[in-house]
C-alpha cells in the first residue's frame, strides 16, 4: 500500500519513480529493524505506542515486525499505517497546491509570449532529439 501511494505522489510531484520505490522499501526495513531498539532505548513499554509509531514510520514491513512483537502492537501499527495513508492522501495535494502557488509556472520568453515550464521542457526535449537524429543521419550518410 505505501509503495502505491508513494508512486502516486511521485506522479503528482514529478520525482524519480525508481528512487521513490527504493527509499520507501529502505524506510520500512530500517524502521522494522531499528524501531524496537529505539523504543527500548527510549523506555517505551506500551505496545500501543510502539505499534502506532512503527506503522506510521515503517509502513507494511514495520507492521509485520510489530505483529511479531505483540498482537496489540500489530493492530495499532495497522491503524497507524492506515491513518497515515488517509491523511497523506488528503493533506498532500493541499500542501502541494499551496507550495505551488508561491512559484509561478508561466514565464515570458524572449518574444514576450507566455510559456509554461512543461511546454519549455517538451520543446527542449524535441530540440535535443532533432539534433541527435541529424547527428546519426550525418554519421551514417557520409
N, C-alpha and C. Protein backbone atom coordinates (compact mmCIF):
# COMPACT_ATOMS: atom_id res chain seq x y z
N UNK A 1 0.82 -1.19 0.00
CA UNK A 1 0.00 0.00 0.00
C UNK A 1 0.86 1.25 0.00
N UNK A 2 1.91 1.29 0.78
CA UNK A 2 2.71 2.51 0.87
C UNK A 2 3.50 2.76 -0.41
N UNK A 3 3.91 1.72 -1.11
CA UNK A 3 4.62 1.92 -2.38
C UNK A 3 3.67 2.49 -3.41
N UNK A 4 2.43 2.01 -3.42
CA UNK A 4 1.44 2.52 -4.37
C UNK A 4 1.19 4.00 -4.13
N UNK A 5 0.99 4.39 -2.88
CA UNK A 5 0.75 5.81 -2.59
C UNK A 5 1.99 6.64 -2.86
N UNK A 6 3.18 6.07 -2.65
CA UNK A 6 4.41 6.81 -2.95
C UNK A 6 4.55 7.03 -4.45
N UNK A 7 4.19 6.03 -5.25
CA UNK A 7 4.28 6.18 -6.71
C UNK A 7 3.25 7.19 -7.19
N UNK A 8 2.07 7.20 -6.58
CA UNK A 8 1.07 8.21 -6.95
C UNK A 8 1.56 9.61 -6.58
N UNK A 9 2.20 9.73 -5.44
CA UNK A 9 2.78 11.01 -5.05
C UNK A 9 3.88 11.41 -6.01
N UNK A 10 4.68 10.42 -6.44
CA UNK A 10 5.72 10.68 -7.42
C UNK A 10 5.12 11.23 -8.70
N UNK A 11 4.01 10.65 -9.13
CA UNK A 11 3.37 11.12 -10.36
C UNK A 11 2.86 12.55 -10.21
N UNK A 12 2.41 12.89 -9.01
CA UNK A 12 1.89 14.23 -8.76
C UNK A 12 3.01 15.27 -8.75
N UNK A 13 4.14 14.92 -8.17
CA UNK A 13 5.21 15.90 -7.99
C UNK A 13 6.29 15.82 -9.06
N UNK A 14 6.34 14.75 -9.82
CA UNK A 14 7.33 14.63 -10.89
C UNK A 14 8.69 14.16 -10.42
N UNK A 15 8.75 13.33 -9.38
CA UNK A 15 10.02 12.81 -8.88
C UNK A 15 10.49 11.60 -9.68
N UNK A 16 11.52 10.95 -9.18
CA UNK A 16 12.06 9.76 -9.82
C UNK A 16 11.38 8.53 -9.24
N UNK A 17 10.69 7.77 -10.08
CA UNK A 17 9.89 6.65 -9.61
C UNK A 17 10.74 5.56 -8.96
N UNK A 18 11.82 5.16 -9.58
CA UNK A 18 12.66 4.09 -9.04
C UNK A 18 13.25 4.49 -7.70
N UNK A 19 13.74 5.71 -7.60
CA UNK A 19 14.29 6.19 -6.35
C UNK A 19 13.23 6.23 -5.25
N UNK A 20 12.03 6.62 -5.61
CA UNK A 20 10.92 6.66 -4.65
C UNK A 20 10.65 5.28 -4.08
N UNK A 21 10.57 4.27 -4.94
CA UNK A 21 10.28 2.91 -4.50
C UNK A 21 11.40 2.38 -3.61
N UNK A 22 12.64 2.59 -4.00
CA UNK A 22 13.77 2.12 -3.20
C UNK A 22 13.77 2.78 -1.82
N UNK A 23 13.52 4.08 -1.76
CA UNK A 23 13.52 4.77 -0.48
C UNK A 23 12.38 4.33 0.42
N UNK A 24 11.21 4.02 -0.15
CA UNK A 24 10.10 3.52 0.66
C UNK A 24 10.44 2.16 1.26
N UNK A 25 11.04 1.28 0.46
CA UNK A 25 11.42 -0.04 0.97
C UNK A 25 12.50 0.08 2.03
N UNK A 26 13.50 0.95 1.78
CA UNK A 26 14.56 1.13 2.78
C UNK A 26 14.02 1.72 4.08
N UNK A 27 13.05 2.62 3.97
CA UNK A 27 12.44 3.19 5.17
C UNK A 27 11.74 2.12 5.98
N UNK A 28 11.01 1.23 5.31
CA UNK A 28 10.32 0.16 6.01
C UNK A 28 11.27 -0.80 6.70
N UNK A 29 12.33 -1.18 6.02
CA UNK A 29 13.30 -2.11 6.60
C UNK A 29 14.03 -1.45 7.78
N UNK A 30 14.45 -0.21 7.59
CA UNK A 30 15.15 0.49 8.67
C UNK A 30 14.26 0.65 9.90
N UNK A 31 13.02 1.02 9.69
CA UNK A 31 12.10 1.16 10.81
C UNK A 31 11.79 -0.15 11.50
N UNK A 32 11.69 -1.23 10.72
CA UNK A 32 11.41 -2.54 11.31
C UNK A 32 12.59 -3.03 12.15
N UNK A 33 13.80 -2.72 11.72
CA UNK A 33 14.99 -3.15 12.45
C UNK A 33 15.25 -2.25 13.65
N UNK A 34 15.21 -0.94 13.44
CA UNK A 34 15.58 0.00 14.50
C UNK A 34 14.43 0.40 15.42
N UNK A 35 13.17 0.21 14.98
CA UNK A 35 12.02 0.62 15.78
C UNK A 35 11.99 0.02 17.18
N UNK A 36 12.08 -1.30 17.31
CA UNK A 36 12.07 -1.87 18.66
C UNK A 36 13.28 -1.46 19.50
N UNK A 37 14.43 -1.29 18.85
CA UNK A 37 15.64 -0.88 19.58
C UNK A 37 15.47 0.54 20.12
N UNK A 38 14.98 1.43 19.29
CA UNK A 38 14.78 2.82 19.72
C UNK A 38 13.71 2.89 20.81
N UNK A 39 12.67 2.09 20.68
CA UNK A 39 11.62 2.08 21.71
C UNK A 39 12.19 1.60 23.05
N UNK A 40 13.05 0.58 23.00
CA UNK A 40 13.69 0.09 24.23
C UNK A 40 14.60 1.16 24.84
N UNK A 41 15.39 1.83 23.98
CA UNK A 41 16.29 2.87 24.47
C UNK A 41 15.52 4.05 25.06
N UNK A 42 14.36 4.35 24.49
CA UNK A 42 13.53 5.45 24.99
C UNK A 42 12.64 5.00 26.15
N UNK A 43 12.77 3.74 26.53
CA UNK A 43 12.00 3.15 27.64
C UNK A 43 10.49 3.24 27.40
N UNK A 44 10.08 2.96 26.17
CA UNK A 44 8.66 2.91 25.83
C UNK A 44 8.23 1.45 25.92
N UNK A 45 7.38 1.14 26.89
CA UNK A 45 6.96 -0.24 27.12
C UNK A 45 5.56 -0.52 26.59
N UNK A 46 4.81 0.52 26.30
CA UNK A 46 3.43 0.34 25.86
C UNK A 46 3.40 -0.16 24.41
N UNK A 47 2.85 -1.36 24.16
CA UNK A 47 2.84 -1.89 22.80
C UNK A 47 1.97 -1.06 21.85
N UNK A 48 1.00 -0.32 22.39
CA UNK A 48 0.17 0.53 21.52
C UNK A 48 1.00 1.66 20.92
N UNK A 49 1.85 2.26 21.72
CA UNK A 49 2.70 3.36 21.25
C UNK A 49 3.73 2.85 20.26
N UNK A 50 4.36 1.73 20.60
CA UNK A 50 5.37 1.15 19.71
C UNK A 50 4.74 0.77 18.37
N UNK A 51 3.57 0.14 18.42
CA UNK A 51 2.89 -0.27 17.19
C UNK A 51 2.47 0.90 16.34
N UNK A 52 1.89 1.92 16.96
CA UNK A 52 1.43 3.08 16.21
C UNK A 52 2.60 3.79 15.52
N UNK A 53 3.68 3.98 16.25
CA UNK A 53 4.83 4.66 15.64
C UNK A 53 5.48 3.82 14.54
N UNK A 54 5.53 2.51 14.74
CA UNK A 54 6.12 1.67 13.69
C UNK A 54 5.23 1.64 12.45
N UNK A 55 3.92 1.68 12.63
CA UNK A 55 3.02 1.70 11.48
C UNK A 55 3.11 2.99 10.70
N UNK A 56 3.25 4.10 11.41
CA UNK A 56 3.35 5.40 10.75
C UNK A 56 4.69 5.52 10.01
N UNK A 57 5.76 5.11 10.66
CA UNK A 57 7.10 5.33 10.09
C UNK A 57 7.56 4.22 9.17
N UNK A 58 7.16 2.97 9.43
CA UNK A 58 7.76 1.85 8.72
C UNK A 58 6.82 1.12 7.78
N UNK A 59 5.61 1.59 7.62
CA UNK A 59 4.65 1.06 6.65
C UNK A 59 4.38 -0.43 6.88
N UNK A 60 4.25 -1.18 5.79
CA UNK A 60 3.88 -2.59 5.88
C UNK A 60 4.92 -3.47 6.52
N UNK A 61 6.18 -3.20 6.25
CA UNK A 61 7.25 -4.01 6.83
C UNK A 61 7.30 -3.80 8.35
N UNK A 62 7.12 -2.56 8.77
CA UNK A 62 7.09 -2.27 10.21
C UNK A 62 5.87 -2.89 10.88
N UNK A 63 4.75 -2.94 10.16
CA UNK A 63 3.54 -3.56 10.71
C UNK A 63 3.75 -5.06 10.90
N UNK A 64 4.41 -5.69 9.94
CA UNK A 64 4.71 -7.12 10.08
C UNK A 64 5.63 -7.36 11.27
N UNK A 65 6.60 -6.50 11.47
CA UNK A 65 7.50 -6.64 12.62
C UNK A 65 6.77 -6.38 13.93
N UNK A 66 5.87 -5.41 13.94
CA UNK A 66 5.10 -5.12 15.15
C UNK A 66 4.20 -6.30 15.52
N UNK A 67 3.68 -6.99 14.52
CA UNK A 67 2.87 -8.19 14.79
C UNK A 67 3.70 -9.28 15.43
N UNK A 68 4.98 -9.36 15.08
CA UNK A 68 5.86 -10.35 15.70
C UNK A 68 6.12 -9.99 17.17
N UNK A 69 6.12 -8.71 17.48
CA UNK A 69 6.37 -8.27 18.86
C UNK A 69 5.17 -8.59 19.73
N UNK A 70 3.97 -8.18 19.26
CA UNK A 70 2.78 -8.29 20.09
C UNK A 70 1.57 -8.10 19.19
N UNK A 71 0.46 -8.77 19.48
CA UNK A 71 -0.75 -8.61 18.68
C UNK A 71 -1.31 -7.20 18.79
N UNK A 72 -1.27 -6.62 19.97
CA UNK A 72 -1.76 -5.25 20.17
C UNK A 72 -0.90 -4.26 19.38
N UNK A 73 0.41 -4.46 19.43
CA UNK A 73 1.32 -3.59 18.67
C UNK A 73 1.03 -3.72 17.17
N UNK A 74 0.75 -4.93 16.70
CA UNK A 74 0.43 -5.14 15.30
C UNK A 74 -0.87 -4.45 14.90
N UNK A 75 -1.88 -4.51 15.78
CA UNK A 75 -3.15 -3.86 15.49
C UNK A 75 -2.98 -2.34 15.42
N UNK A 76 -2.27 -1.77 16.37
CA UNK A 76 -2.05 -0.32 16.36
C UNK A 76 -1.13 0.10 15.22
N UNK A 77 -0.25 -0.78 14.82
CA UNK A 77 0.61 -0.49 13.67
C UNK A 77 -0.22 -0.39 12.39
N UNK A 78 -1.15 -1.32 12.23
CA UNK A 78 -2.05 -1.25 11.08
C UNK A 78 -2.91 0.00 11.10
N UNK A 79 -3.37 0.38 12.29
CA UNK A 79 -4.15 1.61 12.44
C UNK A 79 -3.31 2.83 12.05
N UNK A 80 -2.06 2.87 12.54
CA UNK A 80 -1.18 3.98 12.22
C UNK A 80 -0.87 4.07 10.74
N UNK A 81 -0.65 2.92 10.11
CA UNK A 81 -0.36 2.91 8.68
C UNK A 81 -1.58 3.40 7.89
N UNK A 82 -2.77 2.95 8.28
CA UNK A 82 -3.98 3.39 7.58
C UNK A 82 -4.26 4.87 7.75
N UNK A 83 -4.13 5.37 8.98
CA UNK A 83 -4.34 6.80 9.22
C UNK A 83 -3.31 7.65 8.48
N UNK A 84 -2.08 7.17 8.44
CA UNK A 84 -1.02 7.89 7.72
C UNK A 84 -1.37 7.97 6.23
N UNK A 85 -1.86 6.87 5.66
CA UNK A 85 -2.23 6.88 4.25
C UNK A 85 -3.39 7.82 3.95
N UNK A 86 -4.41 7.80 4.81
CA UNK A 86 -5.57 8.67 4.60
C UNK A 86 -5.18 10.14 4.73
N UNK A 87 -4.45 10.47 5.80
CA UNK A 87 -4.05 11.86 5.99
C UNK A 87 -3.11 12.35 4.89
N UNK A 88 -2.23 11.47 4.43
CA UNK A 88 -1.34 11.84 3.32
C UNK A 88 -2.14 12.10 2.06
N UNK A 89 -3.13 11.26 1.79
CA UNK A 89 -3.95 11.43 0.58
C UNK A 89 -4.76 12.71 0.63
N UNK A 90 -5.16 13.12 1.82
CA UNK A 90 -5.96 14.34 1.95
C UNK A 90 -5.08 15.59 1.98
N UNK A 91 -4.02 15.55 2.78
CA UNK A 91 -3.22 16.76 3.02
C UNK A 91 -2.17 17.04 1.95
N UNK A 92 -1.59 16.01 1.35
CA UNK A 92 -0.51 16.25 0.39
C UNK A 92 -0.94 17.09 -0.81
N UNK A 93 -2.08 16.81 -1.45
CA UNK A 93 -2.47 17.68 -2.56
C UNK A 93 -2.70 19.13 -2.13
N UNK A 94 -3.24 19.32 -0.93
CA UNK A 94 -3.45 20.68 -0.45
C UNK A 94 -2.12 21.41 -0.22
N UNK A 95 -1.19 20.72 0.41
CA UNK A 95 0.13 21.31 0.65
C UNK A 95 0.85 21.57 -0.67
N UNK A 96 0.73 20.63 -1.61
CA UNK A 96 1.38 20.80 -2.91
C UNK A 96 0.82 22.01 -3.64
N UNK A 97 -0.50 22.19 -3.61
CA UNK A 97 -1.09 23.37 -4.25
C UNK A 97 -0.65 24.66 -3.58
N UNK A 98 -0.59 24.63 -2.25
CA UNK A 98 -0.16 25.81 -1.52
C UNK A 98 1.28 26.18 -1.88
N UNK A 99 2.18 25.20 -1.89
CA UNK A 99 3.57 25.48 -2.24
C UNK A 99 3.71 25.90 -3.69
N UNK A 100 2.92 25.31 -4.55
CA UNK A 100 2.99 25.63 -5.96
C UNK A 100 2.52 27.06 -6.23
N UNK A 101 1.64 27.58 -5.37
CA UNK A 101 1.16 28.94 -5.58
C UNK A 101 2.26 29.98 -5.36
N UNK A 102 3.32 29.62 -4.64
CA UNK A 102 4.42 30.55 -4.41
C UNK A 102 5.37 30.63 -5.61
N UNK A 103 5.34 29.64 -6.48
CA UNK A 103 6.25 29.60 -7.62
C UNK A 103 5.45 29.71 -8.91
N UNK A 104 5.66 30.78 -9.66
CA UNK A 104 4.91 30.91 -10.92
C UNK A 104 5.35 29.86 -11.93
N UNK A 105 4.38 29.27 -12.60
CA UNK A 105 4.70 28.24 -13.58
C UNK A 105 4.78 28.80 -14.99
N UNK A 106 4.43 30.04 -15.17
CA UNK A 106 4.49 30.62 -16.50
C UNK A 106 5.50 31.75 -16.52
N UNK A 107 6.27 31.79 -17.58
CA UNK A 107 7.26 32.84 -17.76
C UNK A 107 7.18 33.34 -19.19
N UNK A 108 7.74 34.49 -19.40
CA UNK A 108 7.77 35.03 -20.76
C UNK A 108 9.10 34.69 -21.40
N UNK A 109 9.04 34.27 -22.65
CA UNK A 109 10.28 34.01 -23.37
C UNK A 109 10.77 35.30 -24.02
N UNK A 110 11.78 35.19 -24.89
CA UNK A 110 12.39 36.38 -25.48
C UNK A 110 11.40 37.19 -26.31
N UNK A 111 10.45 36.54 -26.95
CA UNK A 111 9.50 37.26 -27.79
C UNK A 111 8.34 37.86 -26.99
N UNK A 112 8.29 37.60 -25.69
CA UNK A 112 7.24 38.16 -24.85
C UNK A 112 6.05 37.23 -24.67
N UNK A 113 6.08 36.07 -25.32
CA UNK A 113 4.98 35.12 -25.17
C UNK A 113 5.12 34.35 -23.86
N UNK A 114 3.97 33.97 -23.31
CA UNK A 114 4.00 33.17 -22.09
C UNK A 114 4.11 31.70 -22.46
N UNK A 115 4.96 30.98 -21.70
CA UNK A 115 5.12 29.55 -21.89
C UNK A 115 5.16 28.90 -20.52
N UNK A 116 4.53 27.74 -20.42
CA UNK A 116 4.60 27.02 -19.16
C UNK A 116 5.91 26.25 -19.10
N UNK A 117 6.29 25.83 -17.88
CA UNK A 117 7.51 25.04 -17.71
C UNK A 117 7.43 23.75 -18.51
N UNK A 118 6.25 23.14 -18.56
CA UNK A 118 6.07 21.89 -19.28
C UNK A 118 6.30 22.09 -20.77
N UNK A 119 5.78 23.17 -21.30
CA UNK A 119 5.96 23.46 -22.72
C UNK A 119 7.43 23.68 -23.04
N UNK A 120 8.13 24.46 -22.18
CA UNK A 120 9.55 24.71 -22.43
C UNK A 120 10.36 23.43 -22.36
N UNK A 121 10.07 22.56 -21.39
CA UNK A 121 10.85 21.33 -21.28
C UNK A 121 10.54 20.39 -22.44
N UNK A 122 9.30 20.34 -22.89
CA UNK A 122 8.96 19.49 -24.03
C UNK A 122 9.68 19.99 -25.29
N UNK A 123 9.74 21.30 -25.46
CA UNK A 123 10.46 21.86 -26.61
C UNK A 123 11.95 21.54 -26.53
N UNK A 124 12.53 21.61 -25.36
CA UNK A 124 13.95 21.30 -25.20
C UNK A 124 14.21 19.84 -25.54
N UNK A 125 13.33 18.93 -25.13
CA UNK A 125 13.50 17.51 -25.46
C UNK A 125 13.39 17.30 -26.96
N UNK A 126 12.43 17.98 -27.60
CA UNK A 126 12.30 17.85 -29.05
C UNK A 126 13.55 18.35 -29.79
N UNK A 127 14.10 19.47 -29.33
CA UNK A 127 15.30 20.01 -29.97
C UNK A 127 16.49 19.06 -29.82
N UNK A 128 16.66 18.49 -28.62
CA UNK A 128 17.76 17.53 -28.42
C UNK A 128 17.58 16.30 -29.30
N UNK A 129 16.35 15.80 -29.38
CA UNK A 129 16.09 14.62 -30.21
C UNK A 129 16.37 14.93 -31.68
N UNK A 130 15.99 16.12 -32.11
CA UNK A 130 16.23 16.51 -33.50
C UNK A 130 17.72 16.60 -33.80
N UNK A 131 18.49 17.19 -32.86
CA UNK A 131 19.95 17.27 -33.05
C UNK A 131 20.58 15.89 -33.12
N UNK A 132 20.13 14.99 -32.25
CA UNK A 132 20.68 13.63 -32.26
C UNK A 132 20.34 12.91 -33.55
N UNK A 133 19.12 13.11 -34.03
CA UNK A 133 18.71 12.48 -35.28
C UNK A 133 19.57 12.98 -36.44
N UNK A 134 19.82 14.27 -36.49
CA UNK A 134 20.67 14.81 -37.54
C UNK A 134 22.10 14.28 -37.42
N UNK A 135 22.60 14.14 -36.19
CA UNK A 135 23.95 13.61 -36.00
C UNK A 135 24.04 12.17 -36.47
N UNK A 136 23.02 11.38 -36.19
CA UNK A 136 23.00 9.97 -36.64
C UNK A 136 22.93 9.91 -38.15
N UNK A 137 22.09 10.76 -38.76
CA UNK A 137 21.99 10.78 -40.23
C UNK A 137 23.33 11.15 -40.87
N UNK A 138 23.99 12.17 -40.32
CA UNK A 138 25.28 12.58 -40.87
C UNK A 138 26.30 11.47 -40.74
N UNK A 139 26.29 10.75 -39.62
CA UNK A 139 27.25 9.69 -39.39
C UNK A 139 27.06 8.56 -40.40
N UNK A 140 25.82 8.15 -40.61
CA UNK A 140 25.58 7.01 -41.49
C UNK A 140 25.52 7.38 -42.97
N UNK A 141 25.18 8.61 -43.28
CA UNK A 141 25.01 9.01 -44.68
C UNK A 141 26.30 9.57 -45.29
N UNK A 142 27.29 9.84 -44.48
CA UNK A 142 28.53 10.39 -45.06
C UNK A 142 29.63 9.37 -45.06
